[in-house]
Amino acid sequence: MKSLEELKAIRERMQGEIGVRKADANETRVVVGMATCGIASGARPVLNRLAELVREKGLSNVVVTQTGCIGLCQYEPIVEVFAPGKEKVTYIKMTPEKAEEVVEQHLMRGLILTKYTLQNVNL
């Protein structure tokens, strides 16, 4: 690497290869906490199942992504759903099976599964 321009060219080429997309204001973002505590609690299978189901169901308006620490380690794995024009929904203690319900009910039908949400916990 000899210059900043060369570095920028490499970055652009790699973004194209890995399919990095800019967030769309009309998309629903599903974010899985993938810090050490989340991974240790089983977040990777949850992330994989969510991504698989979104692809299988053809939910083109849904983006599944990951983040670092959400700050609620005792409730991991955590999944947050950010839908345009709506309040964030935080699902806790997720499993791949619960993720299937979230896709079917919340992402496809708009029904929040309150039994799995942070709001259902007495803090």
C-alpha atoms as a PDB file:
ATOM      1  CA  MET A   1       0.000   0.000   0.000  1.00  0.00           C
ATOM      2  CA  LYS A   2       1.542   3.273  -1.074  1.00  0.00           C
ATOM      3  CA  SER A   3      -1.109   5.918  -0.643  1.00  0.00           C
ATOM      4  CA  LEU A   4      -4.424   6.860   0.893  1.00  0.00           C
ATOM      5  CA  GLU A   5      -6.041   6.589  -2.540  1.00  0.00           C
ATOM      6  CA  GLU A   6      -4.886   2.979  -2.849  1.00  0.00           C
ATOM      7  CA  LEU A   7      -6.336   2.218   0.592  1.00  0.00           C
ATOM      8  CA  LYS A   8      -9.662   3.803  -0.401  1.00  0.00           C
ATOM      9  CA  ALA A   9      -9.723   1.746  -3.605  1.00  0.00           C
ATOM     10  CA  ILE A  10      -9.155  -1.453  -1.617  1.00  0.00           C
ATOM     11  CA  ARG A  11     -11.929  -0.495   0.806  1.00  0.00           C
ATOM     12  CA  GLU A  12     -14.416   0.161  -2.008  1.00  0.00           C
ATOM     13  CA  ARG A  13     -13.539  -3.098  -3.733  1.00  0.00           C
ATOM     14  CA  MET A  14     -13.934  -5.092  -0.519  1.00  0.00           C
ATOM     15  CA  GLN A  15     -17.260  -3.451   0.359  1.00  0.00           C
ATOM     16  CA  GLY A  16     -18.568  -4.487  -3.029  1.00  0.00           C
ATOM     17  CA  GLU A  17     -17.364  -8.049  -2.515  1.00  0.00           C
ATOM     18  CA  ILE A  18     -18.914  -8.522   0.919  1.00  0.00           C
ATOM     19  CA  GLY A  19     -22.200  -6.854   0.056  1.00  0.00           C
ATOM     20  CA  VAL A  20     -22.089  -3.964   2.510  1.00  0.00           C
ATOM     21  CA  ARG A  21     -25.255  -1.917   2.150  1.00  0.00           C
ATOM     22  CA  LYS A  22     -26.279   1.464   3.390  1.00  0.00           C
ATOM     23  CA  ALA A  23     -29.243   1.470   5.741  1.00  0.00           C
ATOM     24  CA  ASP A  24     -32.543   2.418   4.135  1.00  0.00           C
ATOM     25  CA  ALA A  25     -35.014   4.553   6.103  1.00  0.00           C
ATOM     26  CA  ASN A  26     -37.819   2.139   5.133  1.00  0.00           C
ATOM     27  CA  GLU A  27     -36.041  -0.990   6.326  1.00  0.00           C
ATOM     28  CA  THR A  28     -36.553  -2.788   9.586  1.00  0.00           C
ATOM     29  CA  ARG A  29     -33.233  -3.504  11.304  1.00  0.00           C
ATOM     30  CA  VAL A  30     -32.870  -6.598  13.447  1.00  0.00           C
ATOM     31  CA  VAL A  31     -29.754  -6.273  15.593  1.00  0.00           C
ATOM     32  CA  VAL A  32     -28.226  -9.144  17.557  1.00  0.00           C
ATOM     33  CA  GLY A  33     -25.826  -8.447  20.428  1.00  0.00           C
ATOM     34  CA  MET A  34     -22.625 -10.297  19.553  1.00  0.00           C
ATOM     35  CA  ALA A  35     -20.225  -9.220  22.287  1.00  0.00           C
ATOM     36  CA  THR A  36     -18.486 -11.909  24.342  1.00  0.00           C
ATOM     37  CA  CYS A  37     -21.448 -12.269  26.709  1.00  0.00           C
ATOM     38  CA  GLY A  38     -23.898 -12.652  23.827  1.00  0.00           C
ATOM     39  CA  ILE A  39     -21.775 -15.195  21.998  1.00  0.00           C
ATOM     40  CA  ALA A  40     -21.241 -17.183  25.221  1.00  0.00           C
ATOM     41  CA  SER A  41     -25.018 -17.196  25.773  1.00  0.00           C
ATOM     42  CA  GLY A  42     -25.814 -18.504  22.284  1.00  0.00           C
ATOM     43  CA  ALA A  43     -26.244 -15.401  20.127  1.00  0.00           C
ATOM     44  CA  ARG A  44     -24.520 -16.851  17.045  1.00  0.00           C
ATOM     45  CA  PRO A  45     -27.178 -19.543  16.369  1.00  0.00           C
ATOM     46  CA  VAL A  46     -29.852 -16.871  16.929  1.00  0.00           C
ATOM     47  CA  LEU A  47     -28.183 -14.511  14.431  1.00  0.00           C
ATOM     48  CA  ASN A  48     -27.760 -17.308  11.899  1.00  0.00           C
ATOM     49  CA  ARG A  49     -31.389 -18.429  12.233  1.00  0.00           C
ATOM     50  CA  LEU A  50     -32.733 -14.896  11.891  1.00  0.00           C
ATOM     51  CA  ALA A  51     -30.666 -14.258   8.763  1.00  0.00           C
ATOM     52  CA  GLU A  52     -31.661 -17.619   7.289  1.00  0.00           C
ATOM     53  CA  LEU A  53     -35.380 -17.023   7.882  1.00  0.00           C
ATOM     54  CA  VAL A  54     -35.318 -13.471   6.511  1.00  0.00           C
ATOM     55  CA  ARG A  55     -33.721 -14.845   3.319  1.00  0.00           C
ATOM     56  CA  GLU A  56     -36.099 -17.833   3.100  1.00  0.00           C
ATOM     57  CA  LYS A  57     -39.192 -15.676   3.605  1.00  0.00           C
ATOM     58  CA  GLY A  58     -37.988 -13.067   1.107  1.00  0.00           C
ATOM     59  CA  LEU A  59     -38.253 -10.191   3.593  1.00  0.00           C
ATOM     60  CA  SER A  60     -36.437  -7.660   1.440  1.00  0.00           C
ATOM     61  CA  ASN A  61     -37.322  -4.802   3.793  1.00  0.00           C
ATOM     62  CA  VAL A  62     -35.565  -6.465   6.773  1.00  0.00           C
ATOM     63  CA  VAL A  63     -31.842  -6.271   7.486  1.00  0.00           C
ATOM     64  CA  VAL A  64     -30.280  -8.589  10.068  1.00  0.00           C
ATOM     65  CA  THR A  65     -27.066  -7.282  11.557  1.00  0.00           C
ATOM     66  CA  GLN A  66     -24.955  -7.520  14.676  1.00  0.00           C
ATOM     67  CA  THR A  67     -23.595  -5.145  17.269  1.00  0.00           C
ATOM     68  CA  GLY A  68     -21.290  -5.269  20.239  1.00  0.00           C
ATOM     69  CA  CYS A  69     -22.318  -5.068  23.864  1.00  0.00           C
ATOM     70  CA  ILE A  70     -25.867  -3.887  24.500  1.00  0.00           C
ATOM     71  CA  GLY A  71     -25.165  -3.644  28.228  1.00  0.00           C
ATOM     72  CA  LEU A  72     -27.651  -6.141  29.636  1.00  0.00           C
ATOM     73  CA  CYS A  73     -25.475  -9.240  29.937  1.00  0.00           C
ATOM     74  CA  GLN A  74     -27.867 -11.116  32.223  1.00  0.00           C
ATOM     75  CA  TYR A  75     -30.515 -11.062  29.452  1.00  0.00           C
ATOM     76  CA  GLU A  76     -28.351 -12.327  26.573  1.00  0.00           C
ATOM     77  CA  PRO A  77     -28.838 -13.301  23.821  1.00  0.00           C
ATOM     78  CA  ILE A  78     -30.530  -9.997  22.989  1.00  0.00           C
ATOM     79  CA  VAL A  79     -32.244  -9.067  19.719  1.00  0.00           C
ATOM     80  CA  GLU A  80     -33.418  -5.514  19.045  1.00  0.00           C
ATOM     81  CA  VAL A  81     -35.911  -4.669  16.319  1.00  0.00           C
ATOM     82  CA  PHE A  82     -35.881  -1.149  14.894  1.00  0.00           C
ATOM     83  CA  ALA A  83     -38.902  -0.640  12.640  1.00  0.00           C
ATOM     84  CA  PRO A  84     -39.397   2.689  10.838  1.00  0.00           C
ATOM     85  CA  GLY A  85     -41.660   5.023  12.801  1.00  0.00           C
ATOM     86  CA  LYS A  86     -41.957   2.656  15.774  1.00  0.00           C
ATOM     87  CA  GLU A  87     -40.275   2.292  19.141  1.00  0.00           C
ATOM     88  CA  LYS A  88     -37.395  -0.158  19.478  1.00  0.00           C
ATOM     89  CA  VAL A  89     -38.387  -3.602  20.709  1.00  0.00           C
ATOM     90  CA  THR A  90     -35.838  -5.508  22.800  1.00  0.00           C
ATOM     91  CA  TYR A  91     -36.179  -9.288  22.915  1.00  0.00           C
ATOM     92  CA  ILE A  92     -34.207 -11.075  25.634  1.00  0.00           C
ATOM     93  CA  LYS A  93     -32.944 -14.593  26.352  1.00  0.00           C
ATOM     94  CA  MET A  94     -33.455 -15.486  22.713  1.00  0.00           C
ATOM     95  CA  THR A  95     -33.086 -18.919  21.157  1.00  0.00           C
ATOM     96  CA  PRO A  96     -33.265 -19.973  17.511  1.00  0.00           C
ATOM     97  CA  GLU A  97     -36.807 -21.238  18.198  1.00  0.00           C
ATOM     98  CA  LYS A  98     -37.885 -17.906  19.693  1.00  0.00           C
ATOM     99  CA  ALA A  99     -36.245 -16.180  16.715  1.00  0.00           C
ATOM    100  CA  GLU A 100     -38.538 -18.167  14.423  1.00  0.00           C
ATOM    101  CA  GLU A 101     -41.546 -16.825  16.323  1.00  0.00           C
ATOM    102  CA  VAL A 102     -40.194 -13.266  16.103  1.00  0.00           C
ATOM    103  CA  VAL A 103     -39.850 -13.564  12.326  1.00  0.00           C
ATOM    104  CA  GLU A 104     -43.312 -15.089  11.876  1.00  0.00           C
ATOM    105  CA  GLN A 105     -45.187 -12.840  14.285  1.00  0.00           C
ATOM    106  CA  HIS A 106     -43.266  -9.559  14.580  1.00  0.00           C
ATOM    107  CA  LEU A 107     -41.471  -9.161  11.255  1.00  0.00           C
ATOM    108  CA  MET A 108     -44.166 -10.667   9.055  1.00  0.00           C
ATOM    109  CA  ARG A 109     -47.381  -9.774  10.930  1.00  0.00           C
ATOM    110  CA  GLY A 110     -46.365  -6.777  13.029  1.00  0.00           C
ATOM    111  CA  LEU A 111     -47.293  -8.455  16.326  1.00  0.00           C
ATOM    112  CA  ILE A 112     -44.819  -7.871  19.156  1.00  0.00           C
ATOM    113  CA  LEU A 113     -44.169 -10.964  21.280  1.00  0.00           C
ATOM    114  CA  THR A 114     -44.280  -9.225  24.652  1.00  0.00           C
ATOM    115  CA  LYS A 115     -43.584 -12.482  26.505  1.00  0.00           C
ATOM    116  CA  TYR A 116     -39.997 -12.297  25.188  1.00  0.00           C
ATOM    117  CA  THR A 117     -39.409  -8.570  25.624  1.00  0.00           C
ATOM    118  CA  LEU A 118     -37.373  -6.598  28.103  1.00  0.00           C
ATOM    119  CA  GLN A 119     -40.535  -4.661  28.990  1.00  0.00           C
ATOM    120  CA  ASN A 120     -41.950  -7.906  30.402  1.00  0.00           C
ATOM    121  CA  VAL A 121     -39.165  -8.131  33.025  1.00  0.00           C
ATOM    122  CA  ASN A 122     -39.429  -6.513  36.428  1.00  0.00           C
ATOM    123  CA  LEU A 123     -36.173  -4.580  36.662  1.00  0.00           C
END
